[in-house]
Amino acid sequence: MVKYRHSLPQLKGGAFVTDGGMETTFIFHDGLQLPHFASFVMMASEEGRDRLRAYYRRYLDIARKHGAGFILDSPTWRASPDWAEKLGYTPEALHDANVQSMALLAGLRERHEESGRPIVLSGAMGPRGDGYKAGHMNAAEAEDYHSIQIGSFAESDADMISAVTLNNIDEAIGVARAAVARDMPCAISFTVETDGKLVTGCSMQEAIETTDAATGGSVAYYMINCAHPTHFAEALDHRAGWTKRIHGLRANASRMSHAELDESETLDAGDPADLGQRYRELMQRMPQVRIVGGCCGTDHRHVAAICEACLPDLPRAA
């Protein structure tokens, strides 16, 4: 039974943790082959499902240590039609992968959720194309495309959907409209370049304000992911209304640009302690930020350092 679809606890205050860079962890630390950076293929075997459970438990333990809630994002960032076709999945197999991914998370919630530490099940989605290159869909095309995956989540245990690493406004609008049509709460997370702007050249302010205007403010909240804090900290005006719509941070470990990361054959894990302090500085300026995790290059060490730096100052989840 869906527990939080119509009442997301992260909107009621308190601290929430999520995981780090799933794909970079499995590829660079565990030596797995993930075609097209797709973690959802691991759902096809019991060994893969066991690896996913072990991966999540490490982060759940960090959240429990700090008395924080948790947002369990599914391994489905690439589980949308175009990527599934490249991976040889039929539409039926893709639907099953999305639904079963949420069932795996529901099992983890059943075992790990405690009073005062809610666990929210989030259907993770990614861009139709490359998260580092601008897409070319209009909003209507994006709505049609993403409605397929959102429809699968609506039939699953998911409480919400989180569309991460989006880099253009039209795709964000399409995702938000598709979520409304399926009565699914939606979080939108933009990624930015080293200048704090989307790859299209628009500012985060323009991206958030335009998306809100086009969707009647239906997005539950916004996040920033897949960029280092040095790339976006100066672009955030903590006094502005649009900035107050940002409730989560999932930064990269590395200060490298997206182009440099694309070309790198090794993992730049950065400095976990420094990353934690940068989160702390941002959250002191932006007290509405309550959701912390990581993206490319981060692992449990980074998320633990972020929690050590930031969560003692935050109240517990309701």
C-alpha atoms as a PDB file:
ATOM      1  CA  MET A   1       0.000   0.000   0.000  1.00  0.00           C
ATOM      2  CA  VAL A   2       1.334   3.453  -0.895  1.00  0.00           C
ATOM      3  CA  LYS A   3       1.998   5.354   2.310  1.00  0.00           C
ATOM      4  CA  TYR A   4       2.984   8.895   1.441  1.00  0.00           C
ATOM      5  CA  ARG A   5       1.759   9.645  -2.087  1.00  0.00           C
ATOM      6  CA  HIS A   6      -0.627  12.369  -0.944  1.00  0.00           C
ATOM      7  CA  SER A   7       1.353  13.648   2.039  1.00  0.00           C
ATOM      8  CA  LEU A   8       5.109  13.779   1.512  1.00  0.00           C
ATOM      9  CA  PRO A   9       6.825  13.950   4.910  1.00  0.00           C
ATOM     10  CA  GLN A  10       9.862  15.807   3.531  1.00  0.00           C
ATOM     11  CA  LEU A  11       7.591  18.799   2.968  1.00  0.00           C
ATOM     12  CA  LYS A  12       6.738  18.913   6.665  1.00  0.00           C
ATOM     13  CA  GLY A  13      10.252  19.617   7.946  1.00  0.00           C
ATOM     14  CA  GLY A  14      13.078  17.591   9.369  1.00  0.00           C
ATOM     15  CA  ALA A  15      16.164  16.128   7.746  1.00  0.00           C
ATOM     16  CA  PHE A  16      16.144  13.569   4.946  1.00  0.00           C
ATOM     17  CA  VAL A  17      19.025  11.637   3.438  1.00  0.00           C
ATOM     18  CA  THR A  18      19.260   9.900   0.094  1.00  0.00           C
ATOM     19  CA  ASP A  19      21.988   7.880  -1.592  1.00  0.00           C
ATOM     20  CA  GLY A  20      25.091   8.876  -3.555  1.00  0.00           C
ATOM     21  CA  GLY A  21      26.279   8.139  -7.074  1.00  0.00           C
ATOM     22  CA  MET A  22      24.752   4.732  -7.700  1.00  0.00           C
ATOM     23  CA  GLU A  23      26.097   4.131 -11.171  1.00  0.00           C
ATOM     24  CA  THR A  24      29.612   5.422 -10.484  1.00  0.00           C
ATOM     25  CA  THR A  25      29.752   3.283  -7.332  1.00  0.00           C
ATOM     26  CA  PHE A  26      28.804   0.098  -9.146  1.00  0.00           C
ATOM     27  CA  ILE A  27      31.077   0.791 -12.124  1.00  0.00           C
ATOM     28  CA  PHE A  28      34.209   2.224 -10.512  1.00  0.00           C
ATOM     29  CA  HIS A  29      34.142   0.642  -7.056  1.00  0.00           C
ATOM     30  CA  ASP A  30      32.439  -2.684  -7.714  1.00  0.00           C
ATOM     31  CA  GLY A  31      33.724  -3.229 -11.259  1.00  0.00           C
ATOM     32  CA  LEU A  32      30.313  -3.902 -12.766  1.00  0.00           C
ATOM     33  CA  GLN A  33      29.393  -3.335 -16.389  1.00  0.00           C
ATOM     34  CA  LEU A  34      26.322  -1.116 -16.619  1.00  0.00           C
ATOM     35  CA  PRO A  35      25.455  -0.599 -20.301  1.00  0.00           C
ATOM     36  CA  HIS A  36      24.365   2.968 -21.006  1.00  0.00           C
ATOM     37  CA  PHE A  37      24.846   3.747 -17.291  1.00  0.00           C
ATOM     38  CA  ALA A  38      21.663   1.779 -16.555  1.00  0.00           C
ATOM     39  CA  SER A  39      21.367   0.379 -13.038  1.00  0.00           C
ATOM     40  CA  PHE A  40      17.898  -1.037 -13.571  1.00  0.00           C
ATOM     41  CA  VAL A  41      19.386  -3.961 -15.535  1.00  0.00           C
ATOM     42  CA  MET A  42      20.528  -5.302 -12.153  1.00  0.00           C
ATOM     43  CA  MET A  43      16.895  -6.075 -11.367  1.00  0.00           C
ATOM     44  CA  ALA A  44      17.069  -8.950 -13.876  1.00  0.00           C
ATOM     45  CA  SER A  45      19.019 -11.258 -11.528  1.00  0.00           C
ATOM     46  CA  GLU A  46      18.879 -12.200  -7.861  1.00  0.00           C
ATOM     47  CA  GLU A  47      22.565 -11.311  -7.549  1.00  0.00           C
ATOM     48  CA  GLY A  48      21.847  -7.864  -8.938  1.00  0.00           C
ATOM     49  CA  ARG A  49      18.912  -7.346  -6.590  1.00  0.00           C
ATOM     50  CA  ASP A  50      21.045  -8.416  -3.629  1.00  0.00           C
ATOM     51  CA  ARG A  51      23.717  -5.891  -4.645  1.00  0.00           C
ATOM     52  CA  LEU A  52      21.096  -3.160  -4.806  1.00  0.00           C
ATOM     53  CA  ARG A  53      19.743  -4.033  -1.357  1.00  0.00           C
ATOM     54  CA  ALA A  54      23.267  -3.968   0.103  1.00  0.00           C
ATOM     55  CA  TYR A  55      23.947  -0.629  -1.577  1.00  0.00           C
ATOM     56  CA  TYR A  56      20.820   0.976  -0.113  1.00  0.00           C
ATOM     57  CA  ARG A  57      21.339  -0.506   3.372  1.00  0.00           C
ATOM     58  CA  ARG A  58      24.651   1.314   3.700  1.00  0.00           C
ATOM     59  CA  TYR A  59      22.882   4.660   3.268  1.00  0.00           C
ATOM     60  CA  LEU A  60      19.904   3.664   5.400  1.00  0.00           C
ATOM     61  CA  ASP A  61      22.360   2.984   8.220  1.00  0.00           C
ATOM     62  CA  ILE A  62      23.793   6.498   7.856  1.00  0.00           C
ATOM     63  CA  ALA A  63      20.319   8.022   8.055  1.00  0.00           C
ATOM     64  CA  ARG A  64      19.453   5.936  11.120  1.00  0.00           C
ATOM     65  CA  LYS A  65      22.657   7.050  12.859  1.00  0.00           C
ATOM     66  CA  HIS A  66      21.587  10.674  12.416  1.00  0.00           C
ATOM     67  CA  GLY A  67      17.912  10.153  13.191  1.00  0.00           C
ATOM     68  CA  ALA A  68      16.957  11.324   9.708  1.00  0.00           C
ATOM     69  CA  GLY A  69      14.263  10.297   7.301  1.00  0.00           C
ATOM     70  CA  PHE A  70      15.234   8.722   3.992  1.00  0.00           C
ATOM     71  CA  ILE A  71      14.217   9.061   0.353  1.00  0.00           C
ATOM     72  CA  LEU A  72      14.738   5.774  -1.440  1.00  0.00           C
ATOM     73  CA  ASP A  73      15.324   6.532  -5.124  1.00  0.00           C
ATOM     74  CA  SER A  74      14.837   3.561  -7.415  1.00  0.00           C
ATOM     75  CA  PRO A  75      17.604   2.331  -9.786  1.00  0.00           C
ATOM     76  CA  THR A  76      15.521   3.471 -12.770  1.00  0.00           C
ATOM     77  CA  TRP A  77      17.236   6.650 -13.979  1.00  0.00           C
ATOM     78  CA  ARG A  78      17.614   5.023 -17.426  1.00  0.00           C
ATOM     79  CA  ALA A  79      14.391   2.991 -17.365  1.00  0.00           C
ATOM     80  CA  SER A  80      12.533   4.962 -20.036  1.00  0.00           C
ATOM     81  CA  PRO A  81      11.567   3.866 -23.569  1.00  0.00           C
ATOM     82  CA  ASP A  82      14.509   5.108 -25.669  1.00  0.00           C
ATOM     83  CA  TRP A  83      17.140   3.696 -23.320  1.00  0.00           C
ATOM     84  CA  ALA A  84      15.181   0.470 -22.846  1.00  0.00           C
ATOM     85  CA  GLU A  85      15.113  -0.075 -26.607  1.00  0.00           C
ATOM     86  CA  LYS A  86      18.901   0.282 -26.733  1.00  0.00           C
ATOM     87  CA  LEU A  87      19.135  -2.303 -23.962  1.00  0.00           C
ATOM     88  CA  GLY A  88      16.822  -4.777 -25.696  1.00  0.00           C
ATOM     89  CA  TYR A  89      13.853  -4.369 -23.336  1.00  0.00           C
ATOM     90  CA  THR A  90      10.320  -4.720 -24.637  1.00  0.00           C
ATOM     91  CA  PRO A  91       7.716  -2.223 -23.370  1.00  0.00           C
ATOM     92  CA  GLU A  92       6.304  -4.953 -21.126  1.00  0.00           C
ATOM     93  CA  ALA A  93       9.732  -5.792 -19.687  1.00  0.00           C
ATOM     94  CA  LEU A  94      10.412  -2.110 -19.087  1.00  0.00           C
ATOM     95  CA  HIS A  95       7.131  -1.696 -17.205  1.00  0.00           C
ATOM     96  CA  ASP A  96       7.947  -4.726 -15.057  1.00  0.00           C
ATOM     97  CA  ALA A  97      11.444  -3.393 -14.304  1.00  0.00           C
ATOM     98  CA  ASN A  98      10.028  -0.096 -13.043  1.00  0.00           C
ATOM     99  CA  VAL A  99       7.310  -1.756 -10.955  1.00  0.00           C
ATOM    100  CA  GLN A 100       9.623  -4.407  -9.519  1.00  0.00           C
ATOM    101  CA  SER A 101      12.243  -1.787  -8.649  1.00  0.00           C
ATOM    102  CA  MET A 102       9.665  -0.078  -6.471  1.00  0.00           C
ATOM    103  CA  ALA A 103       8.689  -3.413  -4.921  1.00  0.00           C
ATOM    104  CA  LEU A 104      12.333  -3.943  -3.929  1.00  0.00           C
ATOM    105  CA  LEU A 105      12.331  -0.532  -2.246  1.00  0.00           C
ATOM    106  CA  ALA A 106       9.043  -1.307  -0.499  1.00  0.00           C
ATOM    107  CA  GLY A 107      10.672  -4.370   1.033  1.00  0.00           C
ATOM    108  CA  LEU A 108      13.532  -2.249   2.336  1.00  0.00           C
ATOM    109  CA  ARG A 109      11.084   0.252   3.800  1.00  0.00           C
ATOM    110  CA  GLU A 110       9.180  -2.495   5.575  1.00  0.00           C
ATOM    111  CA  ARG A 111      12.370  -3.647   7.291  1.00  0.00           C
ATOM    112  CA  HIS A 112      14.011  -0.290   8.024  1.00  0.00           C
ATOM    113  CA  GLU A 113      11.371   2.378   8.666  1.00  0.00           C
ATOM    114  CA  GLU A 114      11.010   3.475  12.296  1.00  0.00           C
ATOM    115  CA  SER A 115       8.843   5.951  14.129  1.00  0.00           C
ATOM    116  CA  GLY A 116      10.058   9.489  13.454  1.00  0.00           C
ATOM    117  CA  ARG A 117      12.186   8.341  10.510  1.00  0.00           C
ATOM    118  CA  PRO A 118       9.865   8.091   7.495  1.00  0.00           C
ATOM    119  CA  ILE A 119      11.132   6.411   4.336  1.00  0.00           C
ATOM    120  CA  VAL A 120       9.725   7.782   1.085  1.00  0.00           C
ATOM    121  CA  LEU A 121       9.754   5.658  -2.088  1.00  0.00           C
ATOM    122  CA  SER A 122      10.746   7.735  -5.106  1.00  0.00           C
ATOM    123  CA  GLY A 123      10.603   6.602  -8.703  1.00  0.00           C
ATOM    124  CA  ALA A 124      13.819   7.991 -10.169  1.00  0.00           C
ATOM    125  CA  MET A 125      13.733   9.277 -13.741  1.00  0.00           C
ATOM    126  CA  GLY A 126      16.339  10.783 -16.006  1.00  0.00           C
ATOM    127  CA  PRO A 127      16.343  12.825 -19.186  1.00  0.00           C
ATOM    128  CA  ARG A 128      15.325  11.285 -22.478  1.00  0.00           C
ATOM    129  CA  GLY A 129      18.775  12.023 -23.857  1.00  0.00           C
ATOM    130  CA  ASP A 130      22.196  12.719 -22.421  1.00  0.00           C
ATOM    131  CA  GLY A 131      22.025  14.615 -19.152  1.00  0.00           C
ATOM    132  CA  TYR A 132      25.060  16.642 -20.203  1.00  0.00           C
ATOM    133  CA  LYS A 133      23.669  17.722 -23.601  1.00  0.00           C
ATOM    134  CA  ALA A 134      20.631  19.824 -24.371  1.00  0.00           C
ATOM    135  CA  GLY A 135      17.507  17.948 -25.403  1.00  0.00           C
ATOM    136  CA  HIS A 136      15.285  19.000 -28.286  1.00  0.00           C
ATOM    137  CA  MET A 137      11.759  18.008 -27.226  1.00  0.00           C
ATOM    138  CA  ASN A 138       9.035  20.520 -26.676  1.00  0.00           C
ATOM    139  CA  ALA A 139       6.937  20.253 -23.521  1.00  0.00           C
ATOM    140  CA  ALA A 140       4.157  18.239 -25.162  1.00  0.00           C
ATOM    141  CA  GLU A 141       6.629  15.694 -26.564  1.00  0.00           C
ATOM    142  CA  ALA A 142       8.314  15.432 -23.162  1.00  0.00           C
ATOM    143  CA  GLU A 143       4.957  14.839 -21.484  1.00  0.00           C
ATOM    144  CA  ASP A 144       4.113  12.039 -23.915  1.00  0.00           C
ATOM    145  CA  TYR A 145       7.518  10.406 -23.536  1.00  0.00           C
ATOM    146  CA  HIS A 146       7.796  10.510 -19.756  1.00  0.00           C
ATOM    147  CA  SER A 147       4.159   9.591 -19.134  1.00  0.00           C
ATOM    148  CA  ILE A 148       5.074   5.979 -19.917  1.00  0.00           C
ATOM    149  CA  GLN A 149       7.510   5.616 -17.024  1.00  0.00           C
ATOM    150  CA  ILE A 150       5.375   7.740 -14.704  1.00  0.00           C
ATOM    151  CA  GLY A 151       2.422   5.505 -15.543  1.00  0.00           C
ATOM    152  CA  SER A 152       4.420   2.495 -14.382  1.00  0.00           C
ATOM    153  CA  PHE A 153       5.294   4.241 -11.128  1.00  0.00           C
ATOM    154  CA  ALA A 154       1.656   5.189 -10.598  1.00  0.00           C
ATOM    155  CA  GLU A 155       0.804   1.465 -10.646  1.00  0.00           C
ATOM    156  CA  SER A 156       3.608   0.648  -8.198  1.00  0.00           C
ATOM    157  CA  ASP A 157       4.478   1.312  -4.557  1.00  0.00           C
ATOM    158  CA  ALA A 158       6.042   4.678  -5.445  1.00  0.00           C
ATOM    159  CA  ASP A 159       5.071   7.651  -3.294  1.00  0.00           C
ATOM    160  CA  MET A 160       6.441  10.174  -5.794  1.00  0.00           C
ATOM    161  CA  ILE A 161       8.707  10.604  -8.786  1.00  0.00           C
ATOM    162  CA  SER A 162      12.038  12.423  -8.908  1.00  0.00           C
ATOM    163  CA  ALA A 163      13.248  13.580 -12.315  1.00  0.00           C
ATOM    164  CA  VAL A 164      16.974  14.233 -11.956  1.00  0.00           C
ATOM    165  CA  THR A 165      19.762  15.571 -14.169  1.00  0.00           C
ATOM    166  CA  LEU A 166      17.333  17.571 -16.294  1.00  0.00           C
ATOM    167  CA  ASN A 167      18.992  20.312 -18.310  1.00  0.00           C
ATOM    168  CA  ASN A 168      16.205  22.080 -20.168  1.00  0.00           C
ATOM    169  CA  ILE A 169      12.958  23.733 -19.206  1.00  0.00           C
ATOM    170  CA  ASP A 170      10.641  22.054 -21.720  1.00  0.00           C
ATOM    171  CA  GLU A 171      11.503  18.585 -20.467  1.00  0.00           C
ATOM    172  CA  ALA A 172      10.909  19.658 -16.876  1.00  0.00           C
ATOM    173  CA  ILE A 173       7.500  21.075 -17.817  1.00  0.00           C
ATOM    174  CA  GLY A 174       6.580  17.875 -19.653  1.00  0.00           C
ATOM    175  CA  VAL A 175       7.568  15.684 -16.702  1.00  0.00           C
ATOM    176  CA  ALA A 176       5.607  17.854 -14.265  1.00  0.00           C
ATOM    177  CA  ARG A 177       2.478  17.771 -16.438  1.00  0.00           C
ATOM    178  CA  ALA A 178       2.716  14.007 -16.878  1.00  0.00           C
ATOM    179  CA  ALA A 179       3.027  13.611 -13.105  1.00  0.00           C
ATOM    180  CA  VAL A 180      -0.102  15.701 -12.510  1.00  0.00           C
ATOM    181  CA  ALA A 181      -2.023  13.592 -15.025  1.00  0.00           C
ATOM    182  CA  ARG A 182      -1.107  10.468 -13.025  1.00  0.00           C
ATOM    183  CA  ASP A 183      -1.689  12.104  -9.620  1.00  0.00           C
ATOM    184  CA  MET A 184       1.965  11.598  -8.673  1.00  0.00           C
ATOM    185  CA  PRO A 185       3.905  14.136  -6.559  1.00  0.00           C
ATOM    186  CA  CYS A 186       6.942  15.265  -8.498  1.00  0.00           C
ATOM    187  CA  ALA A 187      10.387  16.655  -7.674  1.00  0.00           C
ATOM    188  CA  ILE A 188      12.477  18.216 -10.441  1.00  0.00           C
ATOM    189  CA  SER A 189      16.269  18.337 -10.187  1.00  0.00           C
ATOM    190  CA  PHE A 190      18.266  20.439 -12.632  1.00  0.00           C
ATOM    191  CA  THR A 191      21.936  20.024 -13.438  1.00  0.00           C
ATOM    192  CA  VAL A 192      24.122  22.988 -14.301  1.00  0.00           C
ATOM    193  CA  GLU A 193      27.459  23.729 -15.904  1.00  0.00           C
ATOM    194  CA  THR A 194      30.453  25.302 -14.160  1.00  0.00           C
ATOM    195  CA  ASP A 195      28.902  28.767 -14.628  1.00  0.00           C
ATOM    196  CA  GLY A 196      25.802  27.819 -12.632  1.00  0.00           C
ATOM    197  CA  LYS A 197      23.588  27.812 -15.734  1.00  0.00           C
ATOM    198  CA  LEU A 198      21.843  25.010 -17.564  1.00  0.00           C
ATOM    199  CA  VAL A 199      23.606  23.759 -20.693  1.00  0.00           C
ATOM    200  CA  THR A 200      20.995  25.687 -22.707  1.00  0.00           C
ATOM    201  CA  GLY A 201      22.373  28.905 -21.196  1.00  0.00           C
ATOM    202  CA  CYS A 202      19.358  29.741 -19.064  1.00  0.00           C
ATOM    203  CA  SER A 203      19.709  30.458 -15.366  1.00  0.00           C
ATOM    204  CA  MET A 204      18.308  28.321 -12.575  1.00  0.00           C
ATOM    205  CA  GLN A 205      15.991  31.204 -11.756  1.00  0.00           C
ATOM    206  CA  GLU A 206      14.559  31.122 -15.271  1.00  0.00           C
ATOM    207  CA  ALA A 207      14.281  27.341 -15.196  1.00  0.00           C
ATOM    208  CA  ILE A 208      12.396  27.206 -11.893  1.00  0.00           C
ATOM    209  CA  GLU A 209      10.184  30.227 -12.452  1.00  0.00           C
ATOM    210  CA  THR A 210       9.257  29.197 -15.998  1.00  0.00           C
ATOM    211  CA  THR A 211       8.484  25.615 -14.970  1.00  0.00           C
ATOM    212  CA  ASP A 212       6.334  26.812 -12.081  1.00  0.00           C
ATOM    213  CA  ALA A 213       4.476  29.296 -14.298  1.00  0.00           C
ATOM    214  CA  ALA A 214       3.761  26.649 -16.947  1.00  0.00           C
ATOM    215  CA  THR A 215       2.586  24.008 -14.468  1.00  0.00           C
ATOM    216  CA  GLY A 216       0.707  26.063 -11.899  1.00  0.00           C
ATOM    217  CA  GLY A 217       3.412  25.398  -9.333  1.00  0.00           C
ATOM    218  CA  SER A 218       2.598  21.674  -9.334  1.00  0.00           C
ATOM    219  CA  VAL A 219       6.214  20.609  -8.719  1.00  0.00           C
ATOM    220  CA  ALA A 220       6.500  19.616  -5.049  1.00  0.00           C
ATOM    221  CA  TYR A 221      10.043  20.991  -4.850  1.00  0.00           C
ATOM    222  CA  TYR A 222      13.236  21.396  -6.844  1.00  0.00           C
ATOM    223  CA  MET A 223      16.739  20.072  -6.350  1.00  0.00           C
ATOM    224  CA  ILE A 224      20.189  20.534  -7.865  1.00  0.00           C
ATOM    225  CA  ASN A 225      22.237  17.484  -8.805  1.00  0.00           C
ATOM    226  CA  CYS A 226      25.230  16.322 -10.835  1.00  0.00           C
ATOM    227  CA  ALA A 227      27.331  19.473 -10.311  1.00  0.00           C
ATOM    228  CA  HIS A 228      29.850  20.490  -7.661  1.00  0.00           C
ATOM    229  CA  PRO A 229      28.829  23.211  -5.174  1.00  0.00           C
ATOM    230  CA  THR A 230      31.550  25.486  -6.581  1.00  0.00           C
ATOM    231  CA  HIS A 231      29.610  25.439  -9.860  1.00  0.00           C
ATOM    232  CA  PHE A 232      26.325  26.754  -8.480  1.00  0.00           C
ATOM    233  CA  ALA A 233      26.783  28.293  -5.024  1.00  0.00           C
ATOM    234  CA  GLU A 234      27.261  31.824  -6.343  1.00  0.00           C
ATOM    235  CA  ALA A 235      24.221  31.516  -8.613  1.00  0.00           C
ATOM    236  CA  LEU A 236      21.859  31.096  -5.657  1.00  0.00           C
ATOM    237  CA  ASP A 237      20.265  34.174  -4.122  1.00  0.00           C
ATOM    238  CA  HIS A 238      19.071  32.840  -0.779  1.00  0.00           C
ATOM    239  CA  ARG A 239      16.667  35.783  -0.378  1.00  0.00           C
ATOM    240  CA  ALA A 240      14.784  35.129  -3.629  1.00  0.00           C
ATOM    241  CA  GLY A 241      11.501  33.279  -3.839  1.00  0.00           C
ATOM    242  CA  TRP A 242      12.686  30.922  -6.561  1.00  0.00           C
ATOM    243  CA  THR A 243      15.636  29.792  -4.457  1.00  0.00           C
ATOM    244  CA  LYS A 244      13.264  28.863  -1.644  1.00  0.00           C
ATOM    245  CA  ARG A 245      11.747  26.267  -3.984  1.00  0.00           C
ATOM    246  CA  ILE A 246      15.039  24.310  -3.829  1.00  0.00           C
ATOM    247  CA  HIS A 247      14.740  21.687  -1.083  1.00  0.00           C
ATOM    248  CA  GLY A 248      17.482  19.206  -1.998  1.00  0.00           C
ATOM    249  CA  LEU A 249      21.149  18.980  -2.988  1.00  0.00           C
ATOM    250  CA  ARG A 250      22.843  16.016  -4.654  1.00  0.00           C
ATOM    251  CA  ALA A 251      26.232  17.304  -5.742  1.00  0.00           C
ATOM    252  CA  ASN A 252      29.060  15.630  -7.617  1.00  0.00           C
ATOM    253  CA  ALA A 253      32.265  14.737  -5.797  1.00  0.00           C
ATOM    254  CA  SER A 254      34.431  16.271  -8.517  1.00  0.00           C
ATOM    255  CA  ARG A 255      34.907  19.889  -9.490  1.00  0.00           C
ATOM    256  CA  MET A 256      35.456  18.824 -13.102  1.00  0.00           C
ATOM    257  CA  SER A 257      33.093  20.046 -15.808  1.00  0.00           C
ATOM    258  CA  HIS A 258      30.615  17.702 -17.437  1.00  0.00           C
ATOM    259  CA  ALA A 259      32.792  17.591 -20.554  1.00  0.00           C
ATOM    260  CA  GLU A 260      35.832  16.623 -18.488  1.00  0.00           C
ATOM    261  CA  LEU A 261      33.863  13.956 -16.616  1.00  0.00           C
ATOM    262  CA  ASP A 262      32.641  12.502 -19.900  1.00  0.00           C
ATOM    263  CA  GLU A 263      36.240  12.079 -21.086  1.00  0.00           C
ATOM    264  CA  SER A 264      37.652  10.757 -17.808  1.00  0.00           C
ATOM    265  CA  GLU A 265      38.392   7.038 -17.532  1.00  0.00           C
ATOM    266  CA  THR A 266      39.025   7.224 -13.790  1.00  0.00           C
ATOM    267  CA  LEU A 267      36.872   8.314 -10.884  1.00  0.00           C
ATOM    268  CA  ASP A 268      37.557  11.650  -9.201  1.00  0.00           C
ATOM    269  CA  ALA A 269      36.196  11.135  -5.673  1.00  0.00           C
ATOM    270  CA  GLY A 270      37.101  14.647  -4.534  1.00  0.00           C
ATOM    271  CA  ASP A 271      37.270  15.414  -0.799  1.00  0.00           C
ATOM    272  CA  PRO A 272      34.288  14.157   1.255  1.00  0.00           C
ATOM    273  CA  ALA A 273      35.008  16.430   4.229  1.00  0.00           C
ATOM    274  CA  ASP A 274      35.290  19.515   2.031  1.00  0.00           C
ATOM    275  CA  LEU A 275      32.059  18.582   0.261  1.00  0.00           C
ATOM    276  CA  GLY A 276      30.320  18.282   3.615  1.00  0.00           C
ATOM    277  CA  GLN A 277      31.452  21.746   4.647  1.00  0.00           C
ATOM    278  CA  ARG A 278      30.262  23.219   1.355  1.00  0.00           C
ATOM    279  CA  TYR A 279      26.837  21.688   1.945  1.00  0.00           C
ATOM    280  CA  ARG A 280      26.842  23.189   5.423  1.00  0.00           C
ATOM    281  CA  GLU A 281      27.597  26.665   4.083  1.00  0.00           C
ATOM    282  CA  LEU A 282      24.837  26.387   1.490  1.00  0.00           C
ATOM    283  CA  MET A 283      22.292  25.106   3.990  1.00  0.00           C
ATOM    284  CA  GLN A 284      23.064  27.875   6.453  1.00  0.00           C
ATOM    285  CA  ARG A 285      22.057  30.314   3.717  1.00  0.00           C
ATOM    286  CA  MET A 286      19.151  28.135   2.521  1.00  0.00           C
ATOM    287  CA  PRO A 287      17.388  26.707   5.582  1.00  0.00           C
ATOM    288  CA  GLN A 288      14.616  25.241   3.448  1.00  0.00           C
ATOM    289  CA  VAL A 289      17.067  22.618   2.114  1.00  0.00           C
ATOM    290  CA  ARG A 290      16.302  19.437   4.030  1.00  0.00           C
ATOM    291  CA  ILE A 291      17.287  16.672   1.567  1.00  0.00           C
ATOM    292  CA  VAL A 292      20.954  15.756   1.196  1.00  0.00           C
ATOM    293  CA  GLY A 293      22.696  13.131  -0.876  1.00  0.00           C
ATOM    294  CA  GLY A 294      25.235  12.811  -3.639  1.00  0.00           C
ATOM    295  CA  CYS A 295      25.588  12.245  -7.353  1.00  0.00           C
ATOM    296  CA  CYS A 296      28.456  11.177  -9.640  1.00  0.00           C
ATOM    297  CA  GLY A 297      31.611  10.145  -7.811  1.00  0.00           C
ATOM    298  CA  THR A 298      30.048  10.202  -4.360  1.00  0.00           C
ATOM    299  CA  ASP A 299      29.546   7.144  -2.186  1.00  0.00           C
ATOM    300  CA  HIS A 300      28.658   6.391   1.432  1.00  0.00           C
ATOM    301  CA  ARG A 301      31.760   8.255   2.653  1.00  0.00           C
ATOM    302  CA  HIS A 302      30.617  11.500   1.073  1.00  0.00           C
ATOM    303  CA  VAL A 303      27.050  11.197   2.311  1.00  0.00           C
ATOM    304  CA  ALA A 304      28.312  10.356   5.815  1.00  0.00           C
ATOM    305  CA  ALA A 305      30.542  13.455   5.753  1.00  0.00           C
ATOM    306  CA  ILE A 306      27.629  15.614   4.568  1.00  0.00           C
ATOM    307  CA  CYS A 307      25.451  14.295   7.379  1.00  0.00           C
ATOM    308  CA  GLU A 308      28.175  14.873   9.966  1.00  0.00           C
ATOM    309  CA  ALA A 309      28.572  18.461   8.774  1.00  0.00           C
ATOM    310  CA  CYS A 310      24.920  19.373   8.324  1.00  0.00           C
ATOM    311  CA  LEU A 311      22.389  17.215  10.105  1.00  0.00           C
ATOM    312  CA  PRO A 312      23.205  18.038  13.737  1.00  0.00           C
ATOM    313  CA  ASP A 313      21.731  21.474  13.043  1.00  0.00           C
ATOM    314  CA  LEU A 314      18.468  20.160  11.595  1.00  0.00           C
ATOM    315  CA  PRO A 315      15.384  18.913  13.447  1.00  0.00           C
ATOM    316  CA  ARG A 316      14.207  15.360  13.021  1.00  0.00           C
ATOM    317  CA  ALA A 317      11.564  14.429  10.467  1.00  0.00           C
ATOM    318  CA  ALA A 318       7.931  14.550  11.545  1.00  0.00           C
END
